[in-house]
Protein backbone atom coordinates (compact mmCIF):
# COMPACT_ATOMS: atom_id res chain seq x y z
CA UNK A 1 -32.31 9.60 -5.92
CA UNK A 2 -31.45 9.72 -9.66
CA UNK A 3 -29.83 13.07 -9.54
CA UNK A 4 -28.04 12.50 -6.10
CA UNK A 5 -24.23 13.26 -6.45
CA UNK A 6 -21.23 10.98 -5.67
CA UNK A 7 -20.49 12.73 -2.58
CA UNK A 8 -24.21 12.77 -1.20
CA UNK A 9 -24.50 9.07 -1.78
CA UNK A 10 -21.02 8.69 0.13
CA UNK A 11 -21.97 10.78 2.99
CA UNK A 12 -25.03 8.75 3.49
CA UNK A 13 -23.20 5.58 2.97
CA UNK A 14 -20.78 6.60 5.55
CA UNK A 15 -23.39 7.60 8.15
CA UNK A 16 -24.87 4.16 7.68
CA UNK A 17 -21.44 2.54 8.12
CA UNK A 18 -20.81 4.56 11.44
CA UNK A 19 -24.19 4.25 12.97
CA UNK A 20 -25.10 0.41 12.28
CA UNK A 21 -21.92 -1.16 10.57
CA UNK A 22 -24.43 -1.71 7.64
CA UNK A 23 -25.80 -0.14 4.55
CA UNK A 24 -28.55 -0.49 2.05
CA UNK A 25 -27.07 -2.38 -0.89
CA UNK A 26 -28.44 -0.32 -3.62
CA UNK A 27 -26.74 2.71 -2.07
CA UNK A 28 -23.26 1.22 -2.30
CA UNK A 29 -24.11 -0.20 -5.83
CA UNK A 30 -24.78 3.04 -7.06
CA UNK A 31 -21.57 4.56 -5.77
CA UNK A 32 -19.54 1.80 -7.16
CA UNK A 33 -21.28 2.23 -10.86
CA UNK A 34 -20.52 5.76 -10.77
CA UNK A 35 -16.97 5.02 -9.87
CA UNK A 36 -16.75 2.56 -12.82
CA UNK A 37 -18.50 4.83 -15.29
CA UNK A 38 -16.90 6.58 -18.13
CA UNK A 39 -16.50 10.03 -15.85
CA UNK A 40 -15.65 8.40 -12.37
CA UNK A 41 -13.58 11.21 -10.96
CA UNK A 42 -16.00 12.57 -8.32
CA UNK A 43 -17.31 9.36 -7.30
CA UNK A 44 -13.79 7.83 -7.05
CA UNK A 45 -12.92 10.84 -4.61
CA UNK A 46 -16.17 10.46 -2.48
CA UNK A 47 -15.70 6.63 -2.29
CA UNK A 48 -11.95 6.93 -0.83
CA UNK A 49 -11.90 10.36 0.40
CA UNK A 50 -15.25 10.31 2.39
CA UNK A 51 -15.99 6.73 2.97
CA UNK A 52 -12.76 4.52 2.96
CA UNK A 53 -10.29 7.14 4.33
CA UNK A 54 -12.67 8.22 7.18
CA UNK A 55 -13.20 4.32 8.36
CA UNK A 56 -9.57 4.07 8.65
CA UNK A 57 -8.83 7.38 10.01
CA UNK A 58 -11.07 6.71 12.98
CA UNK A 59 -8.74 3.62 13.98
CA UNK A 60 -11.90 2.04 15.90
CA UNK A 61 -11.27 -1.76 15.69
CA UNK A 62 -15.22 -2.47 15.08
CA UNK A 63 -14.78 -0.56 11.70
CA UNK A 64 -12.27 -2.88 10.04
CA UNK A 65 -14.87 -5.21 9.41
CA UNK A 66 -17.03 -2.76 8.17
CA UNK A 67 -14.52 -1.79 5.53
CA UNK A 68 -13.67 -5.27 4.90
CA UNK A 69 -17.43 -6.17 3.94
CA UNK A 70 -17.90 -2.86 2.02
CA UNK A 71 -14.81 -2.56 0.03
CA UNK A 72 -14.61 -6.42 -0.96
CA UNK A 73 -17.96 -5.51 -2.63
CA UNK A 74 -16.17 -2.79 -4.41
CA UNK A 75 -13.42 -5.18 -5.50
CA UNK A 76 -15.98 -7.89 -6.57
CA UNK A 77 -17.70 -5.71 -8.69
CA UNK A 78 -14.59 -4.09 -10.40
CA UNK A 79 -12.54 -7.15 -10.71
CA UNK A 80 -14.01 -10.26 -12.82
CA UNK A 81 -13.51 -13.54 -10.64
CA UNK A 82 -13.50 -12.15 -7.13
CA UNK A 83 -16.10 -12.91 -4.74
CA UNK A 84 -16.85 -10.29 -1.75
CA UNK A 85 -17.74 -13.50 0.73
CA UNK A 86 -14.33 -15.17 -0.05
CA UNK A 87 -12.31 -11.80 0.37
CA UNK A 88 -14.04 -11.09 3.63
CA UNK A 89 -13.44 -14.95 5.08
CA UNK A 90 -9.82 -14.72 4.23
CA UNK A 91 -9.36 -11.23 5.52
CA UNK A 92 -10.79 -12.63 8.81
CA UNK A 93 -8.12 -15.19 8.80
CA UNK A 94 -5.07 -13.20 7.97
CA UNK A 95 -5.77 -10.41 10.15
CA UNK A 96 -5.27 -12.74 12.97
CA UNK A 97 -1.76 -12.14 14.51
CA UNK A 98 0.33 -15.39 13.81
CA UNK A 99 3.95 -15.62 14.81
CA UNK A 100 6.34 -16.68 12.10
CA UNK A 101 7.56 -20.44 12.16
CA UNK A 102 9.53 -22.70 10.06
CA UNK A 103 12.60 -22.39 7.86
CA UNK A 104 13.86 -18.89 7.24
CA UNK A 105 12.72 -17.98 3.66
CA UNK A 106 15.37 -16.81 0.79
CA UNK A 107 13.40 -13.65 0.07
CA UNK A 108 11.27 -11.25 2.45
CA UNK A 109 8.91 -8.97 0.31
CA UNK A 110 7.45 -5.79 2.48
CA UNK A 111 4.76 -3.94 0.81
CA UNK A 112 4.83 0.08 0.67
CA UNK A 113 2.13 1.69 2.52
CA UNK A 114 2.19 4.09 -0.61
CA UNK A 115 2.46 7.50 1.44
CA UNK A 116 5.69 8.56 2.22
CA UNK A 117 5.10 9.37 5.95
CA UNK A 118 3.72 5.95 6.38
CA UNK A 119 6.30 4.31 4.92
CA UNK A 120 8.65 5.86 7.38
CA UNK A 121 6.55 5.71 10.53
CA UNK A 122 5.41 2.22 9.99
CA UNK A 123 6.94 0.33 6.60
CA UNK A 124 10.54 1.29 7.73
CA UNK A 125 9.88 -0.23 11.55
CA UNK A 126 8.98 -3.58 10.04
CA UNK A 127 11.74 -3.70 7.74
CA UNK A 128 14.27 -3.13 10.39
CA UNK A 129 12.81 -6.07 12.33
CA UNK A 130 13.13 -8.14 9.23
CA UNK A 131 16.79 -7.25 8.55
CA UNK A 132 17.49 -8.50 11.95
CA UNK A 133 15.44 -11.59 11.84
CA UNK A 134 16.45 -12.75 8.45
CA UNK A 135 20.04 -11.79 7.97
CA UNK A 136 20.50 -13.87 4.95
CA UNK A 137 17.42 -13.23 3.05
CA UNK A 138 17.17 -10.74 0.21
CA UNK A 139 14.71 -8.03 1.83
CA UNK A 140 12.76 -6.32 -1.19
CA UNK A 141 10.53 -3.05 -1.14
CA UNK A 142 7.51 -3.24 -3.37
CA UNK A 143 6.23 0.13 -3.87
CA UNK A 144 6.63 3.42 -6.11
CA UNK A 145 10.25 4.94 -6.86
CA UNK A 146 9.35 8.00 -4.72
CA UNK A 147 9.19 6.00 -1.51
CA UNK A 148 11.90 3.54 -2.45
CA UNK A 149 14.20 6.64 -2.90
CA UNK A 150 14.07 6.65 1.12
CA UNK A 151 15.57 3.56 1.60
CA UNK A 152 17.63 2.93 -1.58
CA UNK A 153 21.00 3.51 -0.13
CA UNK A 154 20.57 0.45 2.41
CA UNK A 155 22.64 -2.24 1.00
CA UNK A 156 20.50 -4.86 2.42
CA UNK A 157 17.22 -3.79 0.36
CA UNK A 158 16.26 -4.16 -3.05
CA UNK A 159 13.47 -2.96 -5.11
CA UNK A 160 10.20 -4.21 -6.70
CA UNK A 161 8.36 -1.48 -8.43
CA UNK A 162 4.49 -1.72 -7.48
CA UNK A 163 3.22 1.76 -8.68
CA UNK A 164 -0.13 2.82 -7.14
CA UNK A 165 -2.06 5.73 -8.56
CA UNK A 166 -3.28 7.37 -5.67
CA UNK A 167 -5.38 10.14 -7.88
CA UNK A 168 -6.35 7.49 -10.68
CA UNK A 169 -9.71 5.82 -11.33
CA UNK A 170 -11.07 2.75 -9.48
CA UNK A 171 -9.72 0.51 -12.08
CA UNK A 172 -6.26 2.18 -12.19
CA UNK A 173 -6.05 1.72 -8.42
CA UNK A 174 -6.84 -1.84 -8.56
CA UNK A 175 -4.94 -2.63 -11.53
CA UNK A 176 -1.81 -3.11 -9.44
CA UNK A 177 -2.95 -6.05 -7.89
CA UNK A 178 -2.63 -8.85 -10.65
CA UNK A 179 0.89 -7.18 -11.38
CA UNK A 180 1.73 -7.43 -7.64
CA UNK A 181 0.70 -10.92 -7.48
CA UNK A 182 2.44 -12.08 -10.50
CA UNK A 183 5.66 -10.18 -9.05
CA UNK A 184 5.51 -11.98 -5.81
CA UNK A 185 5.18 -15.49 -7.16
CA UNK A 186 8.96 -16.36 -6.25
CA UNK A 187 9.80 -19.48 -4.50
CA UNK A 188 10.80 -19.38 -1.00
CA UNK A 189 9.45 -16.25 -0.18
CA UNK A 190 7.29 -14.75 2.66
CA UNK A 191 5.34 -11.25 2.18
CA UNK A 192 4.79 -8.81 4.99
CA UNK A 193 1.80 -6.37 4.44
CA UNK A 194 1.92 -3.39 6.96
CA UNK A 195 -1.64 -2.34 5.95
CA UNK A 196 -0.57 -1.47 2.32
CA UNK A 197 -3.28 0.31 0.00
CA UNK A 198 -1.55 -2.03 -2.49
CA UNK A 199 -3.61 -4.91 -1.22
CA UNK A 200 -6.42 -2.39 -0.18
CA UNK A 201 -5.80 -2.80 3.27
CA UNK A 202 -5.35 -6.64 3.36
CA UNK A 203 -8.10 -7.49 1.03
CA UNK A 204 -6.77 -8.54 -2.19
CA UNK A 205 -4.86 -11.83 -1.81
CA UNK A 206 -1.42 -11.28 -3.42
CA UNK A 207 0.31 -14.79 -2.17
CA UNK A 208 -0.80 -18.12 -0.47
CA UNK A 209 -1.95 -17.19 3.25
CA UNK A 210 0.88 -19.52 4.77
CA UNK A 211 3.39 -16.95 3.76
CA UNK A 212 1.56 -13.74 4.19
CA UNK A 213 1.85 -11.71 7.43
CA UNK A 214 -0.54 -8.88 7.85
CA UNK A 215 -0.30 -5.73 10.36
CA UNK A 216 -4.07 -4.47 10.63
CA UNK A 217 -2.73 -1.17 11.73
CA UNK A 218 -6.02 0.07 12.07
CA UNK A 219 -7.11 -2.20 15.00
CA UNK A 220 -3.73 -3.16 16.32
CA UNK A 221 -3.41 -1.43 19.84
CA UNK A 222 -6.98 -1.35 20.40
CA UNK A 223 -8.13 1.94 22.59
CA UNK A 224 -4.66 2.94 23.47
CA UNK A 225 -3.16 6.08 22.63
CA UNK A 226 0.09 4.41 21.45
CA UNK A 227 1.61 5.81 18.01
CA UNK A 228 1.83 3.66 14.97
CA UNK A 229 5.57 3.23 14.97
CA UNK A 230 5.41 1.80 18.44
CA UNK A 231 2.72 -0.53 17.53
CA UNK A 232 4.71 -1.55 14.52
CA UNK A 233 7.60 -2.35 16.73
CA UNK A 234 5.35 -4.40 18.93
CA UNK A 235 3.62 -6.28 16.34
CA UNK A 236 7.22 -7.13 14.51
CA UNK A 237 8.07 -8.63 18.10
CA UNK A 238 5.14 -10.62 18.40
CA UNK A 239 5.39 -12.24 14.81
CA UNK A 240 8.89 -12.03 14.23
CA UNK A 241 10.64 -12.36 17.52
CA UNK A 242 12.58 -9.00 17.07
CA UNK A 243 12.47 -6.38 19.80
CA UNK A 244 13.11 -2.75 19.79
CA UNK A 245 12.67 -2.25 15.86
CA UNK A 246 12.71 1.36 14.87
CA UNK A 247 11.85 3.99 12.18
CA UNK A 248 14.72 4.76 9.91
CA UNK A 249 15.48 6.28 6.27
CA UNK A 250 18.38 5.56 3.89
CA UNK A 251 18.34 8.02 1.08
CA UNK A 252 21.54 8.74 -0.95
CA UNK A 253 23.17 11.66 0.64
CA UNK A 254 22.04 15.24 -0.87
CA UNK A 255 24.23 18.31 -0.86
CA UNK A 256 21.25 20.26 0.42
CA UNK A 257 21.97 21.74 4.01
CA UNK A 258 19.80 23.59 6.73
CA UNK A 259 20.64 24.12 10.28
CA UNK A 260 16.75 24.28 10.33
CA UNK A 261 14.38 22.48 8.03
CA UNK A 262 10.93 23.54 7.20
CA UNK A 263 8.26 21.89 5.50
CA UNK A 264 4.67 23.58 4.95
CA UNK A 265 3.22 20.46 3.31
CA UNK A 266 -0.05 19.04 4.34
CA UNK A 267 -0.55 16.16 2.08
CA UNK A 268 -3.22 17.71 -0.12
CA UNK A 269 -5.43 18.35 3.35
CA UNK A 270 -6.04 22.06 3.68
CA UNK A 271 -7.64 21.15 7.17
CA UNK A 272 -4.13 20.53 8.58
CA UNK A 273 -2.62 24.08 8.04
CA UNK A 274 -3.13 26.97 10.06
CA UNK A 275 -4.40 30.20 8.39
CA UNK A 276 -3.93 33.85 9.18
CA UNK A 277 -0.21 35.19 9.16
CA UNK A 278 1.05 31.87 11.10
CA UNK A 279 3.28 30.60 8.53
CA UNK A 280 4.86 33.97 8.00
CA UNK A 281 5.16 34.50 11.61
CA UNK A 282 6.61 31.10 11.99
CA UNK A 283 9.05 31.82 9.47
CA UNK A 284 10.27 35.15 11.01
CA UNK A 285 10.49 33.44 14.63
CA UNK A 286 12.83 30.95 13.15
CA UNK A 287 14.77 33.34 11.28
CA UNK A 288 15.34 35.21 14.80
CA UNK A 289 17.65 31.92 15.24
CA UNK A 290 20.12 33.27 12.76
CA UNK A 291 20.88 29.56 11.87
CA UNK A 292 20.61 28.46 8.02
CA UNK A 293 17.18 27.71 7.09
CA UNK A 294 16.14 25.05 4.15
CA UNK A 295 12.41 25.39 3.13
CA UNK A 296 10.76 22.76 0.93
CA UNK A 297 8.59 24.03 -1.79
CA UNK A 298 6.93 20.75 -2.10
CA UNK A 299 4.88 19.73 -5.18
CA UNK A 300 3.63 23.01 -6.57
CA UNK A 301 0.12 24.50 -6.53
CA UNK A 302 -0.98 25.80 -3.43
CA UNK A 303 1.92 24.55 -1.12
CA UNK A 304 4.34 26.34 -3.25
CA UNK A 305 2.40 29.59 -3.17
CA UNK A 306 2.30 29.47 0.39
CA UNK A 307 5.97 29.11 0.59
CA UNK A 308 6.46 31.92 -1.74
CA UNK A 309 4.01 34.14 0.37
CA UNK A 310 5.37 33.36 3.64
CA UNK A 311 9.04 33.87 2.47
CA UNK A 312 8.02 37.29 1.02
CA UNK A 313 6.11 38.53 3.75
CA UNK A 314 8.36 37.41 6.56
CA UNK A 315 11.63 38.96 5.06
CA UNK A 316 13.21 35.70 6.30
CA UNK A 317 16.52 34.38 4.09
CA UNK A 318 16.11 30.85 3.45
CA UNK A 319 17.64 28.28 0.98
CA UNK A 320 14.83 26.71 -0.92
CA UNK A 321 14.40 23.11 -2.66
CA UNK A 322 12.19 22.21 -5.46
CA UNK A 323 12.46 18.47 -6.43
CA UNK A 324 12.39 14.96 -5.26
CA UNK A 325 11.55 14.25 -1.56
CA UNK A 326 14.57 12.21 -0.76
CA UNK A 327 17.02 14.63 -0.99
CA UNK A 328 14.83 16.85 1.28
CA UNK A 329 14.65 13.92 3.67
CA UNK A 330 18.44 13.65 3.70
CA UNK A 331 18.73 17.15 4.79
CA UNK A 332 16.45 17.09 7.38
CA UNK A 333 18.32 13.91 9.06
CA UNK A 334 21.12 16.31 9.09
CA UNK A 335 19.38 19.39 10.49
CA UNK A 336 19.35 20.55 14.27
CA UNK A 337 15.92 21.66 14.17
CA UNK A 338 12.85 20.62 11.83
CA UNK A 339 9.31 22.53 11.97
CA UNK A 340 6.21 21.73 10.11
CA UNK A 341 2.59 20.48 9.83
CA UNK A 342 1.52 16.86 10.32
CA UNK A 343 3.27 15.28 7.40
CA UNK A 344 5.67 12.86 6.07
CA UNK A 345 8.76 15.13 7.15
CA UNK A 346 7.57 14.93 10.88
CA UNK A 347 8.16 11.15 10.49
CA UNK A 348 11.73 11.59 8.60
CA UNK A 349 12.71 13.98 11.70
CA UNK A 350 11.54 11.68 14.36
CA UNK A 351 13.12 8.62 12.58
CA UNK A 352 16.54 10.48 12.36
CA UNK A 353 16.44 11.92 16.38
CA UNK A 354 15.96 15.30 14.96
CA UNK A 355 14.49 17.69 17.39
CA UNK A 356 11.24 18.57 15.78
CA UNK A 357 7.95 20.80 16.49
CA UNK A 358 4.89 19.73 14.55
CA UNK A 359 1.52 21.36 14.27
CA UNK A 360 -1.06 18.94 14.17
CA UNK A 361 -4.67 19.95 12.95
CA UNK A 362 -7.46 18.63 11.07
CA UNK A 363 -7.38 15.27 12.63
CA UNK A 364 -11.08 13.33 12.35
CA UNK A 365 -10.67 11.69 15.49
CA UNK A 366 -8.34 12.17 18.92
CA UNK A 367 -7.13 8.56 18.15
CA UNK A 368 -5.91 9.43 14.87
CA UNK A 369 -4.11 12.00 16.44
CA UNK A 370 -2.24 9.76 18.96
CA UNK A 371 -1.80 7.11 16.23
CA UNK A 372 0.14 9.55 13.69
CA UNK A 373 1.93 11.73 16.17
CA UNK A 374 5.74 11.25 15.60
CA UNK A 375 7.52 8.94 17.75
CA UNK A 376 11.24 8.74 17.99
CA UNK A 377 14.33 9.10 20.56
CA UNK A 378 14.88 12.84 19.73
CA UNK A 379 13.03 15.78 21.25
CA UNK A 380 9.48 15.94 20.01
CA UNK A 381 7.30 18.81 20.51
CA UNK A 382 3.47 18.41 19.36
CA UNK A 383 1.23 21.46 19.16
CA UNK A 384 -2.27 19.75 19.04
CA UNK A 385 -4.80 22.25 17.45
CA UNK A 386 -8.44 22.06 17.68
CA UNK A 387 -10.20 25.36 17.79
CA UNK A 388 -7.08 27.69 18.83
CA UNK A 389 -6.56 30.91 16.74
CA UNK A 390 -3.55 31.39 14.67
CA UNK A 391 -2.56 33.91 17.29
CA UNK A 392 -2.77 31.22 20.10
CA UNK A 393 -1.07 28.44 18.12
CA UNK A 394 1.78 30.82 17.10
CA UNK A 395 2.27 31.58 20.84
CA UNK A 396 2.49 27.82 21.66
CA UNK A 397 5.11 27.45 18.74
CA UNK A 398 7.19 30.15 20.20
CA UNK A 399 6.84 28.32 23.62
CA UNK A 400 7.98 24.90 21.86
CA UNK A 401 10.84 26.62 20.02
CA UNK A 402 12.11 28.25 23.35
CA UNK A 403 12.26 24.43 24.31
CA UNK A 404 14.27 23.19 21.68
């Protein structure tokens, strides 16, 4: 066991969690110790990527409590003064749906989900409900700058920086907690948590329980196939009495334009993309529409290389964008068609009623697919990929495109 890698420890730990909902204490302790060591990168990737994200992505209600018991041990070992049993007990209390009562607050703080797509699909729905329910309150968005840029043109919203380092060490990821708790200590304030990584999915207390409202998105909706955007609206209706809340974006207007907008981003998950010549052929078929195309280069690395290859090999004339995400989101909102993989841009298009085609692959469970598929008022065509060849997926894309 001495030479067992972090990934091997994580895989064994995940197996115990899924099979029995419990695990050997020594196994978790060893993985946490590696994550807190002087060279923690591999252990942190294994802990979050293999264990934590899988427990959430399965969207099984029973695994929420498993996660809470497991990650409370992580928090207690990493942060002096925290006790795992107290964190779990609090979590079990705040996860209960509790209708708002009492006087309207002066301030409402909504925590970011950290990822852009989740902030559009989930957080923005809750913000929309809160704006309607509390017309006189100041609505604060607490998160990072990149996510804030998707909403900063909304005159009802203000920004409280709460940067979370998704690629940082375990201590880096948890260091936001004391700063956030201090930031939220404003008088006459309620805090709404849409299952945010800022609180490690509701585990870390950022304010008193009576002014904290937690949407446990991994269990709400039970065994249904309902998308998260719709579930968030239902939760907002149940808690704040606001019906028909919907997703939205409000970036500052950008000069970028494209009748067709395209993103090949996969959120650093290569399992989401289709191999072979799919991307090249997709661009070629979009080019046959003879409409101006705008394609996002993304954040560099593999994504940008794939865009370069698809542009070169397809011979399709496209405008391209390298830079911040919000200007591209603004362009999506004004386009006639959006195409891409399961990523933040599909939720932007859906929120804006833009007809879209999304290629949905690499999901670890069918319920994850149902939860994260885009939802909105426009035409939405989802190509769910399991084991189909790139050629078959391309045929399905061609059919979907013909129907837009």
